[in-house]
Amino acid sequence: MTKRLLQLLLGLVLYGVAIALMVRAAIGVAPWDVLTQGISRQTGWGFGLLTVVVGAAVLLAWIPLRERPGIGTVLNVLIVGPAAGFGLWLIPNITGIWARIPVFAAGLALLAVATGLYIGARFGAGPRDGLMTGIHRRTGWPLWVGRTLVELTVLGAGWAMGGNVGPGTVLFATLVGPLCNLTIPWFDHQKGARSRQPHATEPIAPVAIPAQDS
């Protein structure tokens, strides 16, 4: 349990830092971060604080969907935003496209590792992941349909409010799934536990690829 909790906490902190790297790269960010940036520009509130506020608002949307949060869900809301805010304070603005590209790549790679850590700890889905699986269960729509509709909606709203949509947004949408498919098995606590049982033959329960869950 202690190892899993430490893995969860490390994953959530690194997730926030990864978001900060991609924001500083300024070549486009993930759809939910576009929304957060847009709200920040309209309200003047800090990015980290708004990440918490948006996450909490999404978590409230679980109620009519009858989703049940885990400790990982709550900690996701509470930790990722402050970690992103700290990362933005620590990381300076990046100038020059040839500097921005590797910073974005580093952020995306770190986010994939962080996703593997916090999902592999198996303490519950992030708020945005639970929203999409809840829509799937309540409507019967394929998971990708609910995810696409939600992310296009938040992307459009964030862009309209001034969020940063660019090549990085497309790269994120294209690459985050394959990267997380690679990293999640590395840190899957249940997989590790089963591998220590020499006679275990049951298949490992699948884990969902997150929708950029900050």
N, C-alpha and C. Protein backbone atom coordinates (compact mmCIF):
# COMPACT_ATOMS: atom_id res chain seq x y z
N MET A 1 0.83 -1.21 0.00
CA MET A 1 0.00 0.00 0.00
C MET A 1 0.86 1.26 0.00
N THR A 2 1.92 1.27 0.82
CA THR A 2 2.80 2.44 0.86
C THR A 2 3.46 2.68 -0.48
N LYS A 3 3.92 1.61 -1.12
CA LYS A 3 4.55 1.74 -2.43
C LYS A 3 3.57 2.29 -3.46
N ARG A 4 2.35 1.80 -3.42
CA ARG A 4 1.33 2.27 -4.37
C ARG A 4 1.01 3.74 -4.14
N LEU A 5 0.90 4.15 -2.87
CA LEU A 5 0.61 5.55 -2.57
C LEU A 5 1.73 6.48 -3.05
N LEU A 6 2.97 6.05 -2.80
CA LEU A 6 4.11 6.85 -3.26
C LEU A 6 4.13 6.93 -4.78
N GLN A 7 3.81 5.82 -5.44
CA GLN A 7 3.75 5.82 -6.90
C GLN A 7 2.67 6.75 -7.41
N LEU A 8 1.50 6.73 -6.75
CA LEU A 8 0.41 7.62 -7.12
C LEU A 8 0.82 9.09 -6.97
N LEU A 9 1.38 9.43 -5.82
CA LEU A 9 1.76 10.82 -5.56
C LEU A 9 2.83 11.30 -6.53
N LEU A 10 3.84 10.45 -6.76
CA LEU A 10 4.89 10.82 -7.71
C LEU A 10 4.31 11.03 -9.10
N GLY A 11 3.42 10.14 -9.52
CA GLY A 11 2.81 10.27 -10.83
C GLY A 11 2.02 11.56 -10.99
N LEU A 12 1.26 11.94 -9.97
CA LEU A 12 0.44 13.15 -10.06
C LEU A 12 1.31 14.40 -10.08
N VAL A 13 2.37 14.42 -9.27
CA VAL A 13 3.27 15.58 -9.28
C VAL A 13 3.96 15.71 -10.64
N LEU A 14 4.47 14.60 -11.16
CA LEU A 14 5.13 14.64 -12.46
C LEU A 14 4.15 15.01 -13.57
N TYR A 15 2.91 14.62 -13.42
CA TYR A 15 1.89 14.97 -14.41
C TYR A 15 1.74 16.49 -14.47
N GLY A 16 1.68 17.13 -13.31
CA GLY A 16 1.57 18.58 -13.28
C GLY A 16 2.78 19.26 -13.90
N VAL A 17 3.97 18.75 -13.60
CA VAL A 17 5.20 19.33 -14.17
C VAL A 17 5.22 19.13 -15.68
N ALA A 18 4.74 18.00 -16.15
CA ALA A 18 4.68 17.74 -17.59
C ALA A 18 3.76 18.74 -18.28
N ILE A 19 2.62 19.03 -17.66
CA ILE A 19 1.72 20.04 -18.23
C ILE A 19 2.42 21.39 -18.31
N ALA A 20 3.16 21.74 -17.26
CA ALA A 20 3.87 23.02 -17.25
C ALA A 20 4.89 23.09 -18.38
N LEU A 21 5.60 22.00 -18.64
CA LEU A 21 6.56 21.99 -19.74
C LEU A 21 5.88 22.24 -21.07
N MET A 22 4.74 21.60 -21.30
CA MET A 22 4.05 21.79 -22.57
C MET A 22 3.46 23.19 -22.69
N VAL A 23 3.00 23.74 -21.58
CA VAL A 23 2.49 25.11 -21.61
C VAL A 23 3.62 26.08 -21.94
N ARG A 24 4.78 25.91 -21.31
CA ARG A 24 5.92 26.78 -21.57
C ARG A 24 6.43 26.64 -23.00
N ALA A 25 6.28 25.46 -23.60
CA ALA A 25 6.71 25.27 -24.98
C ALA A 25 5.91 26.14 -25.94
N ALA A 26 4.66 26.44 -25.60
CA ALA A 26 3.82 27.39 -26.33
C ALA A 26 3.65 27.05 -27.80
N ILE A 27 3.52 25.75 -28.11
CA ILE A 27 3.20 25.37 -29.49
C ILE A 27 1.85 24.64 -29.54
N GLY A 28 1.05 24.80 -28.49
CA GLY A 28 -0.23 24.14 -28.40
C GLY A 28 -0.24 23.15 -27.27
N VAL A 29 -1.36 23.06 -26.57
CA VAL A 29 -1.47 22.16 -25.43
C VAL A 29 -2.67 21.25 -25.60
N ALA A 30 -2.83 20.32 -24.67
CA ALA A 30 -3.93 19.35 -24.71
C ALA A 30 -5.28 20.06 -24.55
N PRO A 31 -6.37 19.44 -25.06
CA PRO A 31 -7.68 20.11 -25.06
C PRO A 31 -8.10 20.66 -23.70
N TRP A 32 -7.97 19.89 -22.62
CA TRP A 32 -8.39 20.38 -21.32
C TRP A 32 -7.53 21.54 -20.84
N ASP A 33 -6.26 21.54 -21.23
CA ASP A 33 -5.39 22.66 -20.86
C ASP A 33 -5.68 23.90 -21.70
N VAL A 34 -6.15 23.69 -22.94
CA VAL A 34 -6.62 24.82 -23.74
C VAL A 34 -7.78 25.51 -23.02
N LEU A 35 -8.70 24.70 -22.49
CA LEU A 35 -9.83 25.26 -21.75
C LEU A 35 -9.35 26.02 -20.52
N THR A 36 -8.41 25.42 -19.77
CA THR A 36 -7.90 26.07 -18.57
C THR A 36 -7.20 27.38 -18.91
N GLN A 37 -6.39 27.37 -19.98
CA GLN A 37 -5.73 28.60 -20.41
C GLN A 37 -6.75 29.67 -20.79
N GLY A 38 -7.78 29.25 -21.51
CA GLY A 38 -8.80 30.22 -21.93
C GLY A 38 -9.50 30.86 -20.75
N ILE A 39 -9.88 30.05 -19.78
CA ILE A 39 -10.53 30.59 -18.58
C ILE A 39 -9.58 31.50 -17.83
N SER A 40 -8.30 31.10 -17.78
CA SER A 40 -7.30 31.92 -17.09
C SER A 40 -7.19 33.30 -17.75
N ARG A 41 -7.21 33.34 -19.07
CA ARG A 41 -7.10 34.63 -19.77
C ARG A 41 -8.33 35.49 -19.55
N GLN A 42 -9.46 34.86 -19.38
CA GLN A 42 -10.70 35.62 -19.20
C GLN A 42 -10.88 36.09 -17.76
N THR A 43 -10.36 35.34 -16.81
CA THR A 43 -10.60 35.64 -15.39
C THR A 43 -9.39 36.24 -14.68
N GLY A 44 -8.18 35.97 -15.21
CA GLY A 44 -6.98 36.40 -14.52
C GLY A 44 -6.53 35.44 -13.43
N TRP A 45 -7.26 34.36 -13.23
CA TRP A 45 -6.88 33.38 -12.21
C TRP A 45 -5.68 32.58 -12.70
N GLY A 46 -4.88 32.05 -11.78
CA GLY A 46 -3.71 31.27 -12.12
C GLY A 46 -4.07 29.94 -12.76
N PHE A 47 -3.17 29.46 -13.63
CA PHE A 47 -3.40 28.20 -14.34
C PHE A 47 -3.54 27.04 -13.36
N GLY A 48 -2.65 26.98 -12.36
CA GLY A 48 -2.70 25.88 -11.40
C GLY A 48 -3.99 25.85 -10.61
N LEU A 49 -4.43 27.03 -10.15
CA LEU A 49 -5.68 27.11 -9.40
C LEU A 49 -6.85 26.67 -10.26
N LEU A 50 -6.87 27.12 -11.50
CA LEU A 50 -7.98 26.77 -12.39
C LEU A 50 -7.98 25.29 -12.76
N THR A 51 -6.80 24.68 -12.79
CA THR A 51 -6.75 23.23 -13.02
C THR A 51 -7.50 22.49 -11.91
N VAL A 52 -7.33 22.97 -10.68
CA VAL A 52 -8.06 22.37 -9.54
C VAL A 52 -9.55 22.64 -9.67
N VAL A 53 -9.92 23.88 -10.00
CA VAL A 53 -11.33 24.26 -10.09
C VAL A 53 -12.03 23.46 -11.19
N VAL A 54 -11.39 23.37 -12.36
CA VAL A 54 -12.00 22.62 -13.47
C VAL A 54 -12.11 21.14 -13.10
N GLY A 55 -11.06 20.59 -12.48
CA GLY A 55 -11.12 19.19 -12.07
C GLY A 55 -12.24 18.92 -11.08
N ALA A 56 -12.44 19.84 -10.13
CA ALA A 56 -13.51 19.69 -9.15
C ALA A 56 -14.88 19.78 -9.82
N ALA A 57 -15.01 20.70 -10.79
CA ALA A 57 -16.28 20.84 -11.50
C ALA A 57 -16.60 19.57 -12.30
N VAL A 58 -15.57 18.99 -12.92
CA VAL A 58 -15.78 17.75 -13.67
C VAL A 58 -16.17 16.63 -12.71
N LEU A 59 -15.55 16.61 -11.53
CA LEU A 59 -15.88 15.58 -10.55
C LEU A 59 -17.34 15.67 -10.11
N LEU A 60 -17.87 16.89 -10.00
CA LEU A 60 -19.28 17.05 -9.66
C LEU A 60 -20.19 16.45 -10.73
N ALA A 61 -19.70 16.47 -11.98
CA ALA A 61 -20.50 15.90 -13.07
C ALA A 61 -20.60 14.38 -12.97
N TRP A 62 -19.77 13.77 -12.11
CA TRP A 62 -19.88 12.33 -11.90
C TRP A 62 -21.17 11.97 -11.17
N ILE A 63 -21.74 12.90 -10.42
CA ILE A 63 -22.89 12.57 -9.58
C ILE A 63 -24.07 12.05 -10.40
N PRO A 64 -24.54 12.80 -11.44
CA PRO A 64 -25.65 12.24 -12.21
C PRO A 64 -25.26 11.01 -13.03
N LEU A 65 -23.97 10.83 -13.27
CA LEU A 65 -23.52 9.66 -14.01
C LEU A 65 -23.32 8.45 -13.11
N ARG A 66 -23.42 8.68 -11.78
CA ARG A 66 -23.30 7.62 -10.78
C ARG A 66 -21.93 6.94 -10.80
N GLU A 67 -20.91 7.71 -11.07
CA GLU A 67 -19.55 7.21 -10.98
C GLU A 67 -19.05 7.37 -9.54
N ARG A 68 -18.19 6.47 -9.12
CA ARG A 68 -17.66 6.51 -7.75
C ARG A 68 -16.17 6.85 -7.78
N PRO A 69 -15.79 7.97 -7.19
CA PRO A 69 -14.36 8.34 -7.18
C PRO A 69 -13.58 7.50 -6.19
N GLY A 70 -12.30 7.30 -6.49
CA GLY A 70 -11.38 6.67 -5.56
C GLY A 70 -10.47 7.72 -4.96
N ILE A 71 -9.59 7.29 -4.09
CA ILE A 71 -8.66 8.23 -3.47
C ILE A 71 -7.76 8.86 -4.54
N GLY A 72 -7.44 8.09 -5.57
CA GLY A 72 -6.63 8.63 -6.65
C GLY A 72 -7.34 9.72 -7.41
N THR A 73 -8.66 9.62 -7.52
CA THR A 73 -9.46 10.64 -8.20
C THR A 73 -9.40 11.96 -7.45
N VAL A 74 -9.59 11.89 -6.14
CA VAL A 74 -9.58 13.10 -5.32
C VAL A 74 -8.19 13.72 -5.30
N LEU A 75 -7.16 12.91 -5.12
CA LEU A 75 -5.80 13.43 -5.10
C LEU A 75 -5.41 14.01 -6.45
N ASN A 76 -5.94 13.45 -7.52
CA ASN A 76 -5.70 14.01 -8.85
C ASN A 76 -6.16 15.46 -8.91
N VAL A 77 -7.37 15.70 -8.41
CA VAL A 77 -7.92 17.06 -8.41
C VAL A 77 -7.06 17.99 -7.56
N LEU A 78 -6.59 17.50 -6.42
CA LEU A 78 -5.90 18.35 -5.47
C LEU A 78 -4.42 18.59 -5.78
N ILE A 79 -3.77 17.64 -6.46
CA ILE A 79 -2.32 17.70 -6.60
C ILE A 79 -1.86 18.21 -7.97
N VAL A 80 -2.51 17.78 -9.04
CA VAL A 80 -2.00 18.11 -10.39
C VAL A 80 -1.95 19.62 -10.60
N GLY A 81 -2.98 20.34 -10.18
CA GLY A 81 -3.01 21.79 -10.37
C GLY A 81 -1.86 22.51 -9.67
N PRO A 82 -1.68 22.31 -8.36
CA PRO A 82 -0.54 22.94 -7.68
C PRO A 82 0.80 22.53 -8.28
N ALA A 83 0.94 21.26 -8.70
CA ALA A 83 2.19 20.82 -9.32
C ALA A 83 2.43 21.54 -10.63
N ALA A 84 1.36 21.76 -11.41
CA ALA A 84 1.49 22.51 -12.66
C ALA A 84 1.85 23.96 -12.38
N GLY A 85 1.21 24.55 -11.36
CA GLY A 85 1.53 25.92 -10.98
C GLY A 85 2.97 26.06 -10.55
N PHE A 86 3.46 25.10 -9.77
CA PHE A 86 4.86 25.13 -9.34
C PHE A 86 5.80 25.00 -10.54
N GLY A 87 5.43 24.12 -11.48
CA GLY A 87 6.24 23.95 -12.68
C GLY A 87 6.31 25.22 -13.51
N LEU A 88 5.18 25.91 -13.63
CA LEU A 88 5.16 27.17 -14.38
C LEU A 88 5.99 28.24 -13.68
N TRP A 89 6.02 28.21 -12.35
CA TRP A 89 6.86 29.15 -11.60
C TRP A 89 8.34 28.83 -11.78
N LEU A 90 8.65 27.53 -11.84
CA LEU A 90 10.04 27.10 -11.90
C LEU A 90 10.62 27.20 -13.31
N ILE A 91 9.81 26.90 -14.32
CA ILE A 91 10.31 26.83 -15.70
C ILE A 91 10.12 28.19 -16.37
N PRO A 92 11.16 28.79 -16.90
CA PRO A 92 11.03 30.11 -17.54
C PRO A 92 10.33 30.01 -18.89
N ASN A 93 9.90 31.16 -19.41
CA ASN A 93 9.36 31.21 -20.76
C ASN A 93 10.43 30.76 -21.76
N ILE A 94 10.01 30.03 -22.77
CA ILE A 94 10.93 29.50 -23.78
C ILE A 94 10.82 30.33 -25.05
N THR A 95 11.93 30.77 -25.57
CA THR A 95 11.93 31.54 -26.81
C THR A 95 12.63 30.75 -27.91
N GLY A 96 12.14 30.88 -29.12
CA GLY A 96 12.75 30.18 -30.25
C GLY A 96 12.11 28.83 -30.47
N ILE A 97 11.66 28.58 -31.70
CA ILE A 97 10.94 27.35 -32.01
C ILE A 97 11.80 26.12 -31.78
N TRP A 98 13.12 26.22 -32.03
CA TRP A 98 13.99 25.06 -31.87
C TRP A 98 14.23 24.73 -30.41
N ALA A 99 13.95 25.63 -29.53
CA ALA A 99 13.98 25.32 -28.10
C ALA A 99 12.63 24.81 -27.63
N ARG A 100 11.57 25.33 -28.21
CA ARG A 100 10.23 24.94 -27.77
C ARG A 100 9.90 23.49 -28.11
N ILE A 101 10.35 23.03 -29.29
CA ILE A 101 10.00 21.67 -29.72
C ILE A 101 10.53 20.62 -28.74
N PRO A 102 11.83 20.64 -28.37
CA PRO A 102 12.29 19.62 -27.40
C PRO A 102 11.65 19.76 -26.02
N VAL A 103 11.30 20.99 -25.61
CA VAL A 103 10.62 21.16 -24.32
C VAL A 103 9.24 20.51 -24.38
N PHE A 104 8.54 20.71 -25.49
CA PHE A 104 7.23 20.06 -25.64
C PHE A 104 7.38 18.55 -25.64
N ALA A 105 8.37 18.04 -26.39
CA ALA A 105 8.59 16.60 -26.45
C ALA A 105 8.91 16.03 -25.07
N ALA A 106 9.71 16.76 -24.30
CA ALA A 106 10.04 16.31 -22.94
C ALA A 106 8.78 16.28 -22.07
N GLY A 107 7.93 17.30 -22.22
CA GLY A 107 6.69 17.34 -21.44
C GLY A 107 5.76 16.19 -21.79
N LEU A 108 5.64 15.89 -23.09
CA LEU A 108 4.76 14.80 -23.53
C LEU A 108 5.29 13.46 -23.03
N ALA A 109 6.60 13.25 -23.13
CA ALA A 109 7.18 11.99 -22.65
C ALA A 109 7.01 11.85 -21.14
N LEU A 110 7.24 12.95 -20.40
CA LEU A 110 7.07 12.91 -18.95
C LEU A 110 5.62 12.64 -18.58
N LEU A 111 4.69 13.22 -19.33
CA LEU A 111 3.27 12.99 -19.05
C LEU A 111 2.92 11.53 -19.24
N ALA A 112 3.48 10.89 -20.27
CA ALA A 112 3.20 9.47 -20.48
C ALA A 112 3.73 8.63 -19.32
N VAL A 113 4.92 8.94 -18.84
CA VAL A 113 5.47 8.22 -17.69
C VAL A 113 4.61 8.47 -16.45
N ALA A 114 4.23 9.73 -16.24
CA ALA A 114 3.41 10.08 -15.08
C ALA A 114 2.06 9.37 -15.13
N THR A 115 1.50 9.27 -16.32
CA THR A 115 0.23 8.56 -16.49
C THR A 115 0.38 7.09 -16.11
N GLY A 116 1.46 6.47 -16.58
CA GLY A 116 1.71 5.09 -16.20
C GLY A 116 1.83 4.91 -14.70
N LEU A 117 2.48 5.87 -14.03
CA LEU A 117 2.65 5.79 -12.59
C LEU A 117 1.31 5.89 -11.86
N TYR A 118 0.51 6.92 -12.17
CA TYR A 118 -0.69 7.11 -11.35
C TYR A 118 -1.79 6.12 -11.71
N ILE A 119 -1.89 5.72 -12.96
CA ILE A 119 -2.89 4.71 -13.31
C ILE A 119 -2.45 3.33 -12.82
N GLY A 120 -1.13 3.05 -12.93
CA GLY A 120 -0.62 1.77 -12.48
C GLY A 120 -0.78 1.55 -11.00
N ALA A 121 -0.87 2.63 -10.22
CA ALA A 121 -1.09 2.49 -8.78
C ALA A 121 -2.49 1.99 -8.46
N ARG A 122 -3.43 2.15 -9.39
CA ARG A 122 -4.80 1.62 -9.29
C ARG A 122 -5.55 2.14 -8.05
N PHE A 123 -5.61 3.45 -7.95
CA PHE A 123 -6.40 4.06 -6.89
C PHE A 123 -7.60 4.83 -7.45
N GLY A 124 -7.96 4.58 -8.69
CA GLY A 124 -9.13 5.25 -9.26
C GLY A 124 -8.75 6.13 -10.44
N ALA A 125 -9.72 6.32 -11.33
CA ALA A 125 -9.51 7.13 -12.53
C ALA A 125 -9.45 8.61 -12.19
N GLY A 126 -8.83 9.38 -13.07
CA GLY A 126 -8.87 10.83 -12.95
C GLY A 126 -10.27 11.35 -13.25
N PRO A 127 -10.57 12.59 -12.86
CA PRO A 127 -11.93 13.10 -13.04
C PRO A 127 -12.41 13.12 -14.49
N ARG A 128 -11.54 13.46 -15.42
CA ARG A 128 -11.95 13.54 -16.82
C ARG A 128 -12.14 12.15 -17.42
N ASP A 129 -11.30 11.19 -17.02
CA ASP A 129 -11.47 9.82 -17.48
C ASP A 129 -12.81 9.26 -17.00
N GLY A 130 -13.12 9.50 -15.73
CA GLY A 130 -14.39 9.01 -15.18
C GLY A 130 -15.59 9.64 -15.85
N LEU A 131 -15.47 10.90 -16.24
CA LEU A 131 -16.56 11.56 -16.96
C LEU A 131 -16.86 10.82 -18.26
N MET A 132 -15.82 10.46 -18.97
CA MET A 132 -16.01 9.82 -20.27
C MET A 132 -16.51 8.39 -20.14
N THR A 133 -15.99 7.64 -19.16
CA THR A 133 -16.50 6.29 -18.96
C THR A 133 -17.93 6.33 -18.44
N GLY A 134 -18.26 7.35 -17.64
CA GLY A 134 -19.63 7.51 -17.16
C GLY A 134 -20.59 7.77 -18.29
N ILE A 135 -20.21 8.64 -19.22
CA ILE A 135 -21.04 8.91 -20.40
C ILE A 135 -21.25 7.62 -21.20
N HIS A 136 -20.18 6.86 -21.33
CA HIS A 136 -20.26 5.59 -22.06
C HIS A 136 -21.27 4.64 -21.40
N ARG A 137 -21.22 4.54 -20.07
CA ARG A 137 -22.11 3.61 -19.38
C ARG A 137 -23.56 4.07 -19.39
N ARG A 138 -23.77 5.38 -19.31
CA ARG A 138 -25.14 5.90 -19.23
C ARG A 138 -25.82 5.98 -20.59
N THR A 139 -25.04 6.21 -21.65
CA THR A 139 -25.64 6.39 -22.98
C THR A 139 -25.52 5.18 -23.88
N GLY A 140 -24.53 4.33 -23.59
CA GLY A 140 -24.27 3.21 -24.48
C GLY A 140 -23.42 3.57 -25.68
N TRP A 141 -23.04 4.85 -25.79
CA TRP A 141 -22.18 5.25 -26.90
C TRP A 141 -20.81 4.58 -26.76
N PRO A 142 -20.13 4.31 -27.88
CA PRO A 142 -18.74 3.84 -27.78
C PRO A 142 -17.90 4.85 -27.01
N LEU A 143 -16.90 4.36 -26.27
CA LEU A 143 -16.09 5.23 -25.45
C LEU A 143 -15.43 6.34 -26.26
N TRP A 144 -14.98 6.00 -27.48
CA TRP A 144 -14.28 7.00 -28.28
C TRP A 144 -15.22 8.11 -28.72
N VAL A 145 -16.51 7.81 -28.87
CA VAL A 145 -17.48 8.84 -29.28
C VAL A 145 -17.63 9.86 -28.15
N GLY A 146 -17.85 9.37 -26.92
CA GLY A 146 -17.98 10.28 -25.79
C GLY A 146 -16.72 11.09 -25.57
N ARG A 147 -15.56 10.44 -25.70
CA ARG A 147 -14.30 11.15 -25.51
C ARG A 147 -14.12 12.23 -26.57
N THR A 148 -14.41 11.89 -27.82
CA THR A 148 -14.24 12.86 -28.91
C THR A 148 -15.16 14.06 -28.73
N LEU A 149 -16.42 13.80 -28.39
CA LEU A 149 -17.38 14.90 -28.22
C LEU A 149 -16.98 15.82 -27.07
N VAL A 150 -16.57 15.21 -25.95
CA VAL A 150 -16.18 16.02 -24.79
C VAL A 150 -14.94 16.85 -25.11
N GLU A 151 -13.93 16.22 -25.69
CA GLU A 151 -12.68 16.92 -25.93
C GLU A 151 -12.83 17.99 -27.01
N LEU A 152 -13.63 17.73 -28.04
CA LEU A 152 -13.88 18.77 -29.04
C LEU A 152 -14.62 19.95 -28.43
N THR A 153 -15.53 19.66 -27.50
CA THR A 153 -16.29 20.73 -26.85
C THR A 153 -15.38 21.60 -26.00
N VAL A 154 -14.55 20.98 -25.16
CA VAL A 154 -13.68 21.78 -24.30
C VAL A 154 -12.60 22.48 -25.12
N LEU A 155 -12.16 21.84 -26.21
CA LEU A 155 -11.17 22.47 -27.07
C LEU A 155 -11.75 23.72 -27.73
N GLY A 156 -12.97 23.60 -28.25
CA GLY A 156 -13.61 24.76 -28.89
C GLY A 156 -13.86 25.88 -27.90
N ALA A 157 -14.33 25.53 -26.70
CA ALA A 157 -14.59 26.56 -25.70
C ALA A 157 -13.30 27.24 -25.27
N GLY A 158 -12.25 26.46 -25.05
CA GLY A 158 -10.97 27.04 -24.65
C GLY A 158 -10.37 27.92 -25.72
N TRP A 159 -10.45 27.48 -26.96
CA TRP A 159 -9.92 28.27 -28.08
C TRP A 159 -10.66 29.59 -28.21
N ALA A 160 -12.00 29.54 -28.05
CA ALA A 160 -12.79 30.76 -28.14
C ALA A 160 -12.42 31.76 -27.06
N MET A 161 -11.95 31.27 -25.91
CA MET A 161 -11.56 32.15 -24.81
C MET A 161 -10.08 32.54 -24.83
N GLY A 162 -9.36 32.07 -25.86
CA GLY A 162 -7.96 32.48 -26.00
C GLY A 162 -6.94 31.44 -25.63
N GLY A 163 -7.36 30.18 -25.44
CA GLY A 163 -6.41 29.12 -25.14
C GLY A 163 -5.51 28.83 -26.32
N ASN A 164 -4.35 28.24 -26.06
CA ASN A 164 -3.32 28.02 -27.07
C ASN A 164 -3.55 26.72 -27.83
N VAL A 165 -4.11 26.82 -29.04
CA VAL A 165 -4.29 25.68 -29.92
C VAL A 165 -3.23 25.77 -31.01
N GLY A 166 -2.49 24.69 -31.23
CA GLY A 166 -1.43 24.72 -32.23
C GLY A 166 -0.99 23.32 -32.60
N PRO A 167 0.15 23.21 -33.27
CA PRO A 167 0.64 21.88 -33.65
C PRO A 167 0.80 20.93 -32.47
N GLY A 168 1.16 21.48 -31.31
CA GLY A 168 1.31 20.64 -30.13
C GLY A 168 0.00 19.97 -29.73
N THR A 169 -1.12 20.64 -29.97
CA THR A 169 -2.42 20.05 -29.66
C THR A 169 -2.66 18.81 -30.51
N VAL A 170 -2.31 18.92 -31.80
CA VAL A 170 -2.47 17.78 -32.71
C VAL A 170 -1.51 16.66 -32.33
N LEU A 171 -0.26 17.02 -32.02
CA LEU A 171 0.72 16.01 -31.63
C LEU A 171 0.29 15.29 -30.36
N PHE A 172 -0.25 16.06 -29.41
CA PHE A 172 -0.72 15.44 -28.17
C PHE A 172 -1.82 14.43 -28.47
N ALA A 173 -2.82 14.85 -29.25
CA ALA A 173 -3.95 13.97 -29.55
C ALA A 173 -3.49 12.72 -30.28
N THR A 174 -2.46 12.84 -31.11
CA THR A 174 -1.99 11.72 -31.92
C THR A 174 -1.11 10.76 -31.13
N LEU A 175 -0.26 11.30 -30.25
CA LEU A 175 0.78 10.50 -29.64
C LEU A 175 0.50 10.04 -28.21
N VAL A 176 -0.40 10.73 -27.48
CA VAL A 176 -0.56 10.40 -26.07
C VAL A 176 -1.07 8.98 -25.87
N GLY A 177 -1.98 8.51 -26.72
CA GLY A 177 -2.50 7.16 -26.59
C GLY A 177 -1.43 6.09 -26.74
N PRO A 178 -0.68 6.10 -27.86
CA PRO A 178 0.39 5.10 -28.02
C PRO A 178 1.45 5.17 -26.92
N LEU A 179 1.81 6.38 -26.49
CA LEU A 179 2.83 6.51 -25.45
C LEU A 179 2.33 5.93 -24.13
N CYS A 180 1.08 6.21 -23.79
CA CYS A 180 0.53 5.67 -22.53
C CYS A 180 0.34 4.16 -22.61
N ASN A 181 0.02 3.65 -23.80
CA ASN A 181 -0.05 2.20 -23.97
C ASN A 181 1.29 1.55 -23.68
N LEU A 182 2.36 2.29 -23.94
CA LEU A 182 3.70 1.78 -23.68
C LEU A 182 4.05 1.86 -22.20
N THR A 183 3.71 2.98 -21.55
CA THR A 183 4.17 3.21 -20.17
C THR A 183 3.30 2.57 -19.10
N ILE A 184 2.01 2.47 -19.32
CA ILE A 184 1.12 1.94 -18.28
C ILE A 184 1.53 0.54 -17.83
N PRO A 185 1.84 -0.39 -18.75
CA PRO A 185 2.27 -1.72 -18.27
C PRO A 185 3.55 -1.71 -17.45
N TRP A 186 4.41 -0.70 -17.65
CA TRP A 186 5.66 -0.64 -16.89
C TRP A 186 5.39 -0.51 -15.39
N PHE A 187 4.36 0.23 -15.05
CA PHE A 187 4.12 0.57 -13.64
C PHE A 187 2.85 -0.04 -13.08
N ASP A 188 2.23 -0.96 -13.80
CA ASP A 188 0.96 -1.54 -13.37
C ASP A 188 1.17 -2.40 -12.13
N HIS A 189 0.66 -1.93 -11.00
CA HIS A 189 0.86 -2.64 -9.73
C HIS A 189 0.23 -4.02 -9.78
N GLN A 190 -0.95 -4.15 -10.38
CA GLN A 190 -1.62 -5.45 -10.42
C GLN A 190 -0.82 -6.43 -11.27
N LYS A 191 -0.26 -5.94 -12.36
CA LYS A 191 0.55 -6.81 -13.21
C LYS A 191 1.77 -7.31 -12.45
N GLY A 192 2.41 -6.38 -11.69
CA GLY A 192 3.57 -6.78 -10.91
C GLY A 192 3.23 -7.81 -9.86
N ALA A 193 2.07 -7.64 -9.22
CA ALA A 193 1.65 -8.60 -8.19
C ALA A 193 1.40 -9.97 -8.79
N ARG A 194 0.77 -10.01 -9.95
CA ARG A 194 0.49 -11.29 -10.59
C ARG A 194 1.77 -11.98 -11.06
N SER A 195 2.74 -11.17 -11.52
CA SER A 195 3.97 -11.76 -12.02
C SER A 195 4.76 -12.46 -10.91
N ARG A 196 4.48 -12.08 -9.65
CA ARG A 196 5.16 -12.73 -8.53
C ARG A 196 4.45 -14.01 -8.10
N GLN A 197 3.31 -14.33 -8.75
CA GLN A 197 2.59 -15.56 -8.46
C GLN A 197 2.88 -16.56 -9.59
N PRO A 198 3.73 -17.52 -9.39
CA PRO A 198 4.20 -18.37 -10.49
C PRO A 198 3.11 -19.18 -11.17
N HIS A 199 1.99 -19.42 -10.48
CA HIS A 199 0.94 -20.25 -11.07
C HIS A 199 -0.27 -19.42 -11.50
N ALA A 200 -0.15 -18.10 -11.45
CA ALA A 200 -1.28 -17.27 -11.85
C ALA A 200 -1.46 -17.35 -13.35
N THR A 201 -2.68 -17.65 -13.79
CA THR A 201 -2.96 -17.76 -15.23
C THR A 201 -4.06 -16.84 -15.68
N GLU A 202 -4.75 -16.16 -14.75
CA GLU A 202 -5.85 -15.29 -15.14
C GLU A 202 -5.31 -14.06 -15.84
N PRO A 203 -6.05 -13.55 -16.86
CA PRO A 203 -5.59 -12.35 -17.55
C PRO A 203 -5.66 -11.13 -16.66
N ILE A 204 -4.79 -10.18 -16.93
CA ILE A 204 -4.76 -8.93 -16.17
C ILE A 204 -5.88 -8.03 -16.63
N ALA A 205 -6.59 -7.41 -15.69
CA ALA A 205 -7.66 -6.49 -16.06
C ALA A 205 -7.08 -5.29 -16.80
N PRO A 206 -7.72 -4.89 -17.91
CA PRO A 206 -7.18 -3.77 -18.69
C PRO A 206 -7.33 -2.46 -17.94
N VAL A 207 -6.47 -1.51 -18.27
CA VAL A 207 -6.58 -0.16 -17.72
C VAL A 207 -6.84 0.80 -18.86
N ALA A 208 -7.58 1.84 -18.57
CA ALA A 208 -7.98 2.77 -19.61
C ALA A 208 -6.90 3.79 -19.88
N ILE A 209 -6.76 4.17 -21.16
CA ILE A 209 -5.88 5.26 -21.52
C ILE A 209 -6.58 6.56 -21.17
N PRO A 210 -5.94 7.44 -20.40
CA PRO A 210 -6.63 8.64 -19.95
C PRO A 210 -6.79 9.67 -21.02
N ALA A 211 -7.82 10.47 -20.87
CA ALA A 211 -7.93 11.68 -21.64
C ALA A 211 -7.19 12.71 -20.86
N GLN A 212 -6.22 13.35 -21.35
CA GLN A 212 -5.35 14.31 -20.69
C GLN A 212 -5.95 14.79 -19.36
N ASP A 213 -5.60 14.06 -18.30
CA ASP A 213 -6.27 14.26 -17.06
C ASP A 213 -5.43 15.07 -16.12
N SER A 214 -5.60 16.36 -16.14
CA SER A 214 -4.88 17.22 -15.26
C SER A 214 -5.80 17.74 -14.22
